[in-house]
């Protein structure tokens, strides 16, 4: 819905909201995988079992998103979420780089889950 609202509000901007890499596709793929890995590792660490942090979980997750976006945003767009990239691509019809924003976060999340399970 947000992507549709942006398209209605700003019809002259054809790529409004689309996540696009500033560097190469492979550079952005690897960076998205790493950013998502860090984010999911923090989420799993602060929200599961005896390590559940309650009110501080939001701070830890939000801080990770902030740092990921600050360092990865200029290079890859720091999507870290397939839905965040899929909806704008669907509304604008720009699917050229969508594959990396669908596959890299899933791979990063799975890798974080495997590492979390092994270190738990």
Protein backbone atom coordinates (compact mmCIF):
# COMPACT_ATOMS: atom_id res chain seq x y z
CA UNK A 1 0.00 0.00 0.00
CA UNK A 2 2.79 2.45 0.83
CA UNK A 3 4.35 1.94 -2.60
CA UNK A 4 1.01 2.63 -4.28
CA UNK A 5 0.52 5.78 -2.20
CA UNK A 6 3.99 7.03 -3.20
CA UNK A 7 3.24 6.33 -6.86
CA UNK A 8 -0.01 8.35 -6.61
CA UNK A 9 1.64 11.21 -4.72
CA UNK A 10 4.73 11.40 -6.94
CA UNK A 11 3.77 10.15 -10.42
CA UNK A 12 6.76 11.84 -12.11
CA UNK A 13 9.30 9.82 -10.11
CA UNK A 14 9.36 6.42 -11.84
CA UNK A 15 11.68 4.66 -9.35
CA UNK A 16 10.40 6.07 -6.07
CA UNK A 17 11.10 3.57 -3.32
CA UNK A 18 12.87 0.98 -5.49
CA UNK A 19 15.99 -0.49 -3.89
CA UNK A 20 18.89 -0.14 -6.32
CA UNK A 21 22.56 -1.05 -5.87
CA UNK A 22 25.12 1.74 -6.18
CA UNK A 23 27.92 -0.72 -6.91
CA UNK A 24 27.97 -4.05 -8.68
CA UNK A 25 25.25 -6.65 -8.17
CA UNK A 26 27.69 -9.05 -6.49
CA UNK A 27 28.95 -6.34 -4.14
CA UNK A 28 25.39 -5.51 -3.12
CA UNK A 29 24.44 -9.19 -2.83
CA UNK A 30 27.27 -9.92 -0.42
CA UNK A 31 26.62 -6.76 1.57
CA UNK A 32 22.87 -7.51 1.84
CA UNK A 33 23.68 -11.04 2.99
CA UNK A 34 26.05 -9.72 5.69
CA UNK A 35 23.67 -6.95 6.83
CA UNK A 36 20.77 -9.39 7.10
CA UNK A 37 22.99 -11.89 8.91
CA UNK A 38 23.85 -9.26 11.55
CA UNK A 39 20.23 -8.17 11.90
CA UNK A 40 18.87 -11.71 12.26
CA UNK A 41 21.64 -12.66 14.69
CA UNK A 42 20.67 -9.76 16.93
CA UNK A 43 16.95 -10.55 16.62
CA UNK A 44 17.49 -14.20 17.51
CA UNK A 45 19.84 -13.33 20.35
CA UNK A 46 17.58 -10.85 22.11
CA UNK A 47 14.23 -12.53 21.54
CA UNK A 48 14.76 -16.21 22.30
CA UNK A 49 14.84 -18.22 25.50
CA UNK A 50 16.56 -17.09 28.67
CA UNK A 51 18.38 -14.30 26.83
CA UNK A 52 15.14 -12.46 26.07
CA UNK A 53 15.81 -8.80 26.77
CA UNK A 54 12.29 -7.34 26.93
CA UNK A 55 12.40 -3.57 26.47
CA UNK A 56 16.05 -3.59 25.42
CA UNK A 57 15.33 -5.93 22.51
CA UNK A 58 13.81 -3.06 20.54
CA UNK A 59 16.86 -0.90 21.20
CA UNK A 60 19.25 -3.61 20.09
CA UNK A 61 17.26 -4.39 16.93
CA UNK A 62 16.69 -0.72 16.10
CA UNK A 63 20.36 0.07 16.66
CA UNK A 64 21.36 -2.76 14.33
CA UNK A 65 18.98 -1.51 11.64
CA UNK A 66 20.40 2.00 12.09
CA UNK A 67 24.00 0.85 11.74
CA UNK A 68 23.18 -1.47 8.82
CA UNK A 69 21.38 1.35 7.00
CA UNK A 70 24.12 3.85 7.77
CA UNK A 71 26.94 1.69 6.44
CA UNK A 72 25.16 -0.42 3.82
CA UNK A 73 22.55 2.04 2.59
CA UNK A 74 24.82 4.05 0.29
CA UNK A 75 26.13 0.88 -1.38
CA UNK A 76 23.28 -1.63 -1.54
CA UNK A 77 20.25 0.25 -0.26
CA UNK A 78 20.24 -1.81 2.97
CA UNK A 79 16.94 -3.50 2.28
CA UNK A 80 17.46 -6.50 4.61
CA UNK A 81 13.83 -7.46 3.90
CA UNK A 82 12.48 -9.02 0.69
CA UNK A 83 9.08 -7.36 1.14
CA UNK A 84 10.74 -3.93 1.44
CA UNK A 85 12.18 -4.37 -2.06
CA UNK A 86 9.46 -6.45 -3.70
CA UNK A 87 6.54 -4.04 -3.30
CA UNK A 88 8.24 -0.98 -4.86
CA UNK A 89 9.56 -3.16 -7.70
CA UNK A 90 6.08 -4.53 -8.31
CA UNK A 91 4.47 -1.08 -8.37
CA UNK A 92 7.12 0.49 -10.62
CA UNK A 93 7.77 -2.56 -12.78
CA UNK A 94 11.55 -2.35 -12.23
CA UNK A 95 12.65 -5.94 -11.58
CA UNK A 96 16.23 -5.68 -12.86
CA UNK A 97 18.00 -5.99 -9.49
CA UNK A 98 15.16 -7.49 -7.48
CA UNK A 99 16.69 -10.98 -7.47
CA UNK A 100 19.51 -9.92 -5.17
CA UNK A 101 17.11 -8.29 -2.69
CA UNK A 102 15.00 -11.46 -2.59
CA UNK A 103 17.79 -14.04 -2.36
CA UNK A 104 20.49 -12.32 -0.25
CA UNK A 105 18.29 -11.56 2.80
CA UNK A 106 16.93 -15.12 2.81
CA UNK A 107 20.47 -16.54 2.62
CA UNK A 108 21.67 -14.15 5.34
CA UNK A 109 18.76 -15.11 7.59
CA UNK A 110 19.34 -18.82 7.08
CA UNK A 111 23.05 -18.40 7.79
CA UNK A 112 22.24 -16.48 10.99
CA UNK A 113 19.85 -19.23 12.08
CA UNK A 114 22.48 -21.92 11.47
CA UNK A 115 25.14 -20.00 13.41
CA UNK A 116 22.69 -19.22 16.21
CA UNK A 117 21.70 -22.89 16.52
CA UNK A 118 25.34 -24.00 16.58
CA UNK A 119 26.31 -21.46 19.24
CA UNK A 120 23.20 -21.73 21.38
